[in-house]
Amino acid sequence: MSEFNDYLMGKKIDPDAFLQADAAQYRALEAVFLQVSPESFTQQKLFLINPLRRTHPLPPEKMPAKTATPKKSAKPTVPKPKPTLATKSGDSSSPKPTISMEGQATATKPTITKTGKPTMVKPDSNPNKSE
């Protein structure tokens, strides 16, 4: 019986006023409530719950205290590294700045050596060029 009363109070319906006003309907709804889950009961009897809430409102002093739900903490945002602009050294006539990639891995590209075998080399070095 207390489960049904708690359910009614959660739906803002005064169980005592409802029982005094219409005991037959109270007992019928209580019997159904005890056989099904609260979610299923709400789905089945939603069209009855809203009028009951209007005719038997729960007084504010009887309303159950709301439990504070903890807010989800936001993930800390990490700023993306910004590329630094640097001009090419030794070329003062170049109007376009180049992006410095210091501290980052340099890309390699496949090249074919004199032996005909493809190898991966850094763009700065040239295996075909002998010094």
N, C-alpha and C. Protein backbone atom coordinates (compact mmCIF):
# COMPACT_ATOMS: atom_id res chain seq x y z
N MET A 1 0.82 -1.19 0.00
CA MET A 1 0.00 0.00 0.00
C MET A 1 0.87 1.26 0.00
N SER A 2 1.98 1.21 0.71
CA SER A 2 2.82 2.41 0.77
C SER A 2 3.50 2.67 -0.58
N GLU A 3 3.79 1.61 -1.36
CA GLU A 3 4.38 1.83 -2.68
C GLU A 3 3.43 2.63 -3.57
N PHE A 4 2.16 2.28 -3.54
CA PHE A 4 1.18 2.99 -4.36
C PHE A 4 1.03 4.43 -3.87
N ASN A 5 1.04 4.63 -2.55
CA ASN A 5 0.96 5.99 -2.00
C ASN A 5 2.17 6.81 -2.42
N ASP A 6 3.36 6.20 -2.37
CA ASP A 6 4.57 6.91 -2.80
C ASP A 6 4.49 7.26 -4.28
N TYR A 7 3.95 6.34 -5.08
CA TYR A 7 3.80 6.59 -6.51
C TYR A 7 2.86 7.78 -6.73
N LEU A 8 1.71 7.78 -6.03
CA LEU A 8 0.75 8.88 -6.18
C LEU A 8 1.37 10.21 -5.76
N MET A 9 2.14 10.19 -4.68
CA MET A 9 2.79 11.42 -4.23
C MET A 9 3.82 11.89 -5.25
N GLY A 10 4.50 10.95 -5.88
CA GLY A 10 5.45 11.30 -6.93
C GLY A 10 4.77 11.93 -8.14
N LYS A 11 3.52 11.56 -8.36
CA LYS A 11 2.72 12.13 -9.46
C LYS A 11 1.92 13.35 -9.00
N LYS A 12 2.20 13.83 -7.78
CA LYS A 12 1.57 15.02 -7.19
C LYS A 12 0.06 14.83 -6.99
N ILE A 13 -0.32 13.62 -6.56
CA ILE A 13 -1.71 13.29 -6.23
C ILE A 13 -1.76 12.98 -4.74
N ASP A 14 -2.72 13.57 -4.03
CA ASP A 14 -2.87 13.33 -2.59
C ASP A 14 -3.56 11.97 -2.40
N PRO A 15 -2.84 10.95 -1.89
CA PRO A 15 -3.44 9.62 -1.76
C PRO A 15 -4.59 9.58 -0.75
N ASP A 16 -4.50 10.35 0.33
CA ASP A 16 -5.57 10.35 1.34
C ASP A 16 -6.86 10.95 0.79
N ALA A 17 -6.75 12.07 0.09
CA ALA A 17 -7.94 12.71 -0.49
C ALA A 17 -8.54 11.82 -1.57
N PHE A 18 -7.70 11.15 -2.36
CA PHE A 18 -8.18 10.26 -3.41
C PHE A 18 -8.92 9.07 -2.80
N LEU A 19 -8.38 8.48 -1.73
CA LEU A 19 -9.01 7.33 -1.07
C LEU A 19 -10.36 7.73 -0.47
N GLN A 20 -10.45 8.90 0.14
CA GLN A 20 -11.71 9.34 0.75
C GLN A 20 -12.75 9.68 -0.32
N ALA A 21 -12.34 10.26 -1.43
CA ALA A 21 -13.29 10.69 -2.45
C ALA A 21 -13.81 9.52 -3.29
N ASP A 22 -12.93 8.58 -3.65
CA ASP A 22 -13.34 7.49 -4.53
C ASP A 22 -12.56 6.22 -4.17
N ALA A 23 -13.01 5.53 -3.12
CA ALA A 23 -12.30 4.35 -2.61
C ALA A 23 -12.29 3.21 -3.62
N ALA A 24 -13.37 3.04 -4.39
CA ALA A 24 -13.45 1.93 -5.35
C ALA A 24 -12.40 2.11 -6.45
N GLN A 25 -12.28 3.31 -7.00
CA GLN A 25 -11.28 3.55 -8.05
C GLN A 25 -9.87 3.44 -7.48
N TYR A 26 -9.68 3.92 -6.25
CA TYR A 26 -8.38 3.83 -5.60
C TYR A 26 -7.95 2.37 -5.48
N ARG A 27 -8.84 1.50 -5.00
CA ARG A 27 -8.53 0.07 -4.82
C ARG A 27 -8.28 -0.61 -6.17
N ALA A 28 -9.05 -0.25 -7.19
CA ALA A 28 -8.86 -0.86 -8.52
C ALA A 28 -7.50 -0.48 -9.10
N LEU A 29 -7.13 0.80 -8.99
CA LEU A 29 -5.83 1.24 -9.50
C LEU A 29 -4.68 0.65 -8.69
N GLU A 30 -4.88 0.52 -7.39
CA GLU A 30 -3.85 -0.07 -6.54
C GLU A 30 -3.61 -1.53 -6.91
N ALA A 31 -4.69 -2.27 -7.21
CA ALA A 31 -4.55 -3.68 -7.60
C ALA A 31 -3.75 -3.81 -8.90
N VAL A 32 -4.01 -2.94 -9.86
CA VAL A 32 -3.26 -2.97 -11.13
C VAL A 32 -1.81 -2.58 -10.88
N PHE A 33 -1.60 -1.56 -10.05
CA PHE A 33 -0.25 -1.07 -9.77
C PHE A 33 0.63 -2.17 -9.17
N LEU A 34 0.05 -2.99 -8.28
CA LEU A 34 0.82 -4.04 -7.63
C LEU A 34 1.18 -5.18 -8.58
N GLN A 35 0.50 -5.27 -9.73
CA GLN A 35 0.77 -6.35 -10.68
C GLN A 35 1.77 -5.96 -11.77
N VAL A 36 1.93 -4.67 -12.03
CA VAL A 36 2.82 -4.22 -13.11
C VAL A 36 3.87 -3.27 -12.55
N SER A 37 4.84 -2.94 -13.39
CA SER A 37 5.88 -1.99 -12.96
C SER A 37 5.31 -0.57 -12.98
N PRO A 38 5.91 0.35 -12.23
CA PRO A 38 5.42 1.73 -12.22
C PRO A 38 5.42 2.39 -13.61
N GLU A 39 6.44 2.08 -14.43
CA GLU A 39 6.50 2.65 -15.77
C GLU A 39 5.34 2.14 -16.63
N SER A 40 5.06 0.85 -16.52
CA SER A 40 3.96 0.26 -17.28
C SER A 40 2.62 0.82 -16.80
N PHE A 41 2.48 0.98 -15.49
CA PHE A 41 1.25 1.55 -14.93
C PHE A 41 1.03 2.96 -15.47
N THR A 42 2.10 3.75 -15.51
CA THR A 42 1.98 5.12 -16.02
C THR A 42 1.54 5.11 -17.47
N GLN A 43 2.12 4.21 -18.28
CA GLN A 43 1.74 4.14 -19.69
C GLN A 43 0.28 3.73 -19.85
N GLN A 44 -0.17 2.78 -19.03
CA GLN A 44 -1.54 2.27 -19.16
C GLN A 44 -2.58 3.26 -18.64
N LYS A 45 -2.27 3.98 -17.57
CA LYS A 45 -3.27 4.80 -16.88
C LYS A 45 -3.00 6.30 -16.98
N LEU A 46 -2.20 6.71 -17.93
CA LEU A 46 -1.85 8.12 -18.04
C LEU A 46 -3.09 9.00 -18.21
N PHE A 47 -4.06 8.52 -18.97
CA PHE A 47 -5.29 9.29 -19.20
C PHE A 47 -6.10 9.44 -17.91
N LEU A 48 -5.86 8.61 -16.90
CA LEU A 48 -6.54 8.74 -15.60
C LEU A 48 -5.72 9.55 -14.60
N ILE A 49 -4.41 9.51 -14.73
CA ILE A 49 -3.54 10.18 -13.76
C ILE A 49 -3.69 11.70 -13.83
N ASN A 50 -3.75 12.27 -15.01
CA ASN A 50 -3.84 13.72 -15.13
C ASN A 50 -5.13 14.28 -14.52
N PRO A 51 -6.31 13.71 -14.77
CA PRO A 51 -7.51 14.23 -14.09
C PRO A 51 -7.45 14.05 -12.56
N LEU A 52 -6.85 12.94 -12.09
CA LEU A 52 -6.71 12.74 -10.65
C LEU A 52 -5.80 13.81 -10.04
N ARG A 53 -4.78 14.19 -10.76
CA ARG A 53 -3.86 15.22 -10.27
C ARG A 53 -4.59 16.56 -10.12
N ARG A 54 -5.54 16.82 -11.01
CA ARG A 54 -6.29 18.08 -10.93
C ARG A 54 -7.34 18.05 -9.82
N THR A 55 -7.99 16.90 -9.62
CA THR A 55 -9.05 16.83 -8.60
C THR A 55 -8.51 16.60 -7.20
N HIS A 56 -7.35 15.94 -7.07
CA HIS A 56 -6.76 15.65 -5.75
C HIS A 56 -5.31 16.11 -5.71
N PRO A 57 -5.05 17.42 -5.81
CA PRO A 57 -3.66 17.88 -5.83
C PRO A 57 -2.98 17.66 -4.49
N LEU A 58 -1.71 17.36 -4.54
CA LEU A 58 -0.92 17.15 -3.34
C LEU A 58 -0.53 18.51 -2.77
N PRO A 59 -0.83 18.77 -1.49
CA PRO A 59 -0.44 20.06 -0.89
C PRO A 59 1.08 20.21 -0.88
N PRO A 60 1.58 21.44 -1.00
CA PRO A 60 3.04 21.65 -1.05
C PRO A 60 3.78 21.10 0.17
N GLU A 61 3.15 21.13 1.35
CA GLU A 61 3.85 20.63 2.54
C GLU A 61 3.99 19.11 2.54
N LYS A 62 3.18 18.39 1.75
CA LYS A 62 3.28 16.93 1.67
C LYS A 62 4.17 16.46 0.52
N MET A 63 4.59 17.38 -0.34
CA MET A 63 5.40 16.99 -1.50
C MET A 63 6.73 16.41 -1.04
N PRO A 64 7.14 15.30 -1.68
CA PRO A 64 8.43 14.70 -1.29
C PRO A 64 9.58 15.63 -1.67
N ALA A 65 10.62 15.60 -0.85
CA ALA A 65 11.79 16.44 -1.12
C ALA A 65 12.51 15.90 -2.34
N LYS A 66 12.89 16.81 -3.22
CA LYS A 66 13.61 16.40 -4.42
C LYS A 66 15.06 16.13 -4.04
N THR A 67 15.58 15.04 -4.57
CA THR A 67 16.99 14.75 -4.34
C THR A 67 17.79 15.47 -5.40
N ALA A 68 18.84 16.11 -4.97
CA ALA A 68 19.67 16.86 -5.90
C ALA A 68 20.47 15.89 -6.75
N THR A 69 20.32 16.00 -8.04
CA THR A 69 21.09 15.16 -8.94
C THR A 69 22.40 15.86 -9.25
N PRO A 70 23.51 15.16 -9.10
CA PRO A 70 24.79 15.82 -9.38
C PRO A 70 24.91 16.13 -10.87
N LYS A 71 25.38 17.32 -11.15
CA LYS A 71 25.57 17.71 -12.55
C LYS A 71 26.81 17.02 -13.09
N LYS A 72 26.73 16.66 -14.35
CA LYS A 72 27.88 16.04 -14.98
C LYS A 72 28.94 17.11 -15.17
N SER A 73 30.15 16.76 -14.79
CA SER A 73 31.22 17.73 -14.96
C SER A 73 31.63 17.76 -16.43
N ALA A 74 31.82 18.94 -16.90
CA ALA A 74 32.20 19.10 -18.30
C ALA A 74 33.64 18.64 -18.47
N LYS A 75 33.92 18.05 -19.60
CA LYS A 75 35.28 17.63 -19.87
C LYS A 75 36.16 18.87 -20.02
N PRO A 76 37.35 18.82 -19.47
CA PRO A 76 38.22 19.98 -19.63
C PRO A 76 38.60 20.12 -21.10
N THR A 77 38.56 21.33 -21.56
CA THR A 77 38.91 21.57 -22.96
C THR A 77 40.39 21.86 -23.06
N VAL A 78 41.02 21.22 -24.00
CA VAL A 78 42.44 21.41 -24.23
C VAL A 78 42.56 22.19 -25.53
N PRO A 79 43.17 23.37 -25.48
CA PRO A 79 43.27 24.15 -26.71
C PRO A 79 44.18 23.46 -27.72
N LYS A 80 43.81 23.56 -28.98
CA LYS A 80 44.63 22.98 -30.04
C LYS A 80 45.87 23.84 -30.23
N PRO A 81 47.01 23.21 -30.50
CA PRO A 81 48.21 24.02 -30.71
C PRO A 81 48.07 24.83 -32.00
N LYS A 82 48.47 26.08 -31.92
CA LYS A 82 48.39 26.95 -33.09
C LYS A 82 49.73 26.95 -33.80
N PRO A 83 49.72 26.83 -35.12
CA PRO A 83 50.99 26.85 -35.84
C PRO A 83 51.59 28.26 -35.78
N THR A 84 52.91 28.30 -35.69
CA THR A 84 53.59 29.59 -35.66
C THR A 84 54.02 29.94 -37.07
N LEU A 85 53.94 31.19 -37.41
CA LEU A 85 54.33 31.63 -38.74
C LEU A 85 55.80 32.04 -38.71
N ALA A 86 56.54 31.58 -39.70
CA ALA A 86 57.95 31.94 -39.81
C ALA A 86 58.26 32.15 -41.28
N THR A 87 59.10 33.12 -41.58
CA THR A 87 59.49 33.35 -42.97
C THR A 87 60.68 32.47 -43.28
N LYS A 88 60.85 32.14 -44.55
CA LYS A 88 61.99 31.32 -44.95
C LYS A 88 63.27 32.10 -44.69
N SER A 89 64.23 31.43 -44.09
CA SER A 89 65.49 32.12 -43.78
C SER A 89 66.29 32.33 -45.06
N GLY A 90 66.86 33.51 -45.20
CA GLY A 90 67.70 33.81 -46.36
C GLY A 90 66.92 34.29 -47.56
N ASP A 91 65.60 34.25 -47.54
CA ASP A 91 64.80 34.68 -48.68
C ASP A 91 63.89 35.81 -48.22
N SER A 92 64.38 37.04 -48.33
CA SER A 92 63.61 38.18 -47.85
C SER A 92 62.57 38.64 -48.87
N SER A 93 62.66 38.16 -50.12
CA SER A 93 61.71 38.59 -51.15
C SER A 93 60.44 37.74 -51.15
N SER A 94 60.40 36.68 -50.37
CA SER A 94 59.24 35.79 -50.34
C SER A 94 58.10 36.47 -49.57
N PRO A 95 56.98 36.80 -50.26
CA PRO A 95 55.89 37.46 -49.56
C PRO A 95 55.05 36.51 -48.71
N LYS A 96 55.10 35.21 -49.00
CA LYS A 96 54.28 34.25 -48.27
C LYS A 96 55.05 33.66 -47.11
N PRO A 97 54.49 33.71 -45.91
CA PRO A 97 55.15 33.05 -44.79
C PRO A 97 54.92 31.55 -44.86
N THR A 98 55.82 30.79 -44.28
CA THR A 98 55.65 29.34 -44.22
C THR A 98 55.30 28.96 -42.80
N ILE A 99 54.67 27.84 -42.65
CA ILE A 99 54.27 27.37 -41.32
C ILE A 99 55.38 26.51 -40.76
N SER A 100 55.81 26.86 -39.56
CA SER A 100 56.86 26.11 -38.90
C SER A 100 56.28 24.83 -38.32
N MET A 101 56.93 23.72 -38.57
CA MET A 101 56.45 22.43 -38.08
C MET A 101 57.42 21.88 -37.03
N GLU A 102 58.00 22.75 -36.23
CA GLU A 102 58.97 22.32 -35.24
C GLU A 102 58.31 21.41 -34.21
N GLY A 103 59.01 20.38 -33.84
CA GLY A 103 58.51 19.47 -32.82
C GLY A 103 57.52 18.45 -33.35
N GLN A 104 57.22 18.50 -34.63
CA GLN A 104 56.29 17.54 -35.21
C GLN A 104 57.05 16.61 -36.14
N ALA A 105 56.52 15.42 -36.32
CA ALA A 105 57.17 14.44 -37.19
C ALA A 105 57.11 14.95 -38.63
N THR A 106 58.20 14.78 -39.34
CA THR A 106 58.23 15.20 -40.73
C THR A 106 57.72 14.07 -41.60
N ALA A 107 57.04 14.42 -42.65
CA ALA A 107 56.48 13.43 -43.54
C ALA A 107 57.57 12.87 -44.44
N THR A 108 57.40 11.64 -44.83
CA THR A 108 58.33 11.03 -45.77
C THR A 108 57.59 10.75 -47.05
N LYS A 109 58.34 10.72 -48.14
CA LYS A 109 57.71 10.41 -49.41
C LYS A 109 58.50 9.31 -50.10
N PRO A 110 57.83 8.47 -50.86
CA PRO A 110 58.55 7.39 -51.53
C PRO A 110 59.36 7.94 -52.70
N THR A 111 60.58 7.49 -52.82
CA THR A 111 61.43 7.85 -53.96
C THR A 111 62.09 6.59 -54.49
N ILE A 112 62.53 6.64 -55.71
CA ILE A 112 63.20 5.49 -56.32
C ILE A 112 64.69 5.81 -56.39
N THR A 113 65.48 4.93 -55.83
CA THR A 113 66.93 5.13 -55.81
C THR A 113 67.54 4.65 -57.12
N LYS A 114 68.86 4.80 -57.25
CA LYS A 114 69.55 4.38 -58.47
C LYS A 114 69.44 2.87 -58.69
N THR A 115 69.25 2.13 -57.61
CA THR A 115 69.14 0.68 -57.75
C THR A 115 67.75 0.27 -58.22
N GLY A 116 66.80 1.20 -58.24
CA GLY A 116 65.46 0.89 -58.71
C GLY A 116 64.51 0.47 -57.61
N LYS A 117 64.99 0.44 -56.36
CA LYS A 117 64.14 0.04 -55.25
C LYS A 117 63.51 1.29 -54.62
N PRO A 118 62.19 1.27 -54.38
CA PRO A 118 61.57 2.42 -53.72
C PRO A 118 61.94 2.45 -52.24
N THR A 119 62.22 3.62 -51.74
CA THR A 119 62.53 3.80 -50.32
C THR A 119 61.77 5.01 -49.80
N MET A 120 61.61 5.07 -48.50
CA MET A 120 60.96 6.21 -47.87
C MET A 120 62.06 7.12 -47.33
N VAL A 121 62.07 8.36 -47.80
CA VAL A 121 63.09 9.30 -47.35
C VAL A 121 62.43 10.60 -46.93
N LYS A 122 63.12 11.36 -46.11
CA LYS A 122 62.63 12.66 -45.70
C LYS A 122 62.73 13.61 -46.89
N PRO A 123 61.86 14.60 -46.98
CA PRO A 123 61.89 15.52 -48.11
C PRO A 123 63.19 16.30 -48.20
N ASP A 124 63.91 16.52 -47.08
CA ASP A 124 65.14 17.30 -47.11
C ASP A 124 66.30 16.53 -47.74
N SER A 125 66.32 15.22 -47.56
CA SER A 125 67.44 14.44 -48.07
C SER A 125 67.10 13.88 -49.45
N ASN A 126 68.11 13.68 -50.26
CA ASN A 126 67.94 13.15 -51.60
C ASN A 126 68.92 12.00 -51.77
N PRO A 127 68.44 10.74 -51.81
CA PRO A 127 69.36 9.61 -51.91
C PRO A 127 70.04 9.52 -53.27
N ASN A 128 69.47 10.12 -54.30
CA ASN A 128 70.07 10.06 -55.64
C ASN A 128 71.22 11.04 -55.79
N LYS A 129 71.32 11.99 -54.90
CA LYS A 129 72.34 13.02 -55.00
C LYS A 129 73.56 12.58 -54.19
N SER A 130 74.69 12.49 -54.83
CA SER A 130 75.91 12.10 -54.11
C SER A 130 76.68 13.36 -53.75
N GLU A 131 77.25 13.37 -52.58
CA GLU A 131 77.98 14.55 -52.13
C GLU A 131 79.45 14.32 -52.14
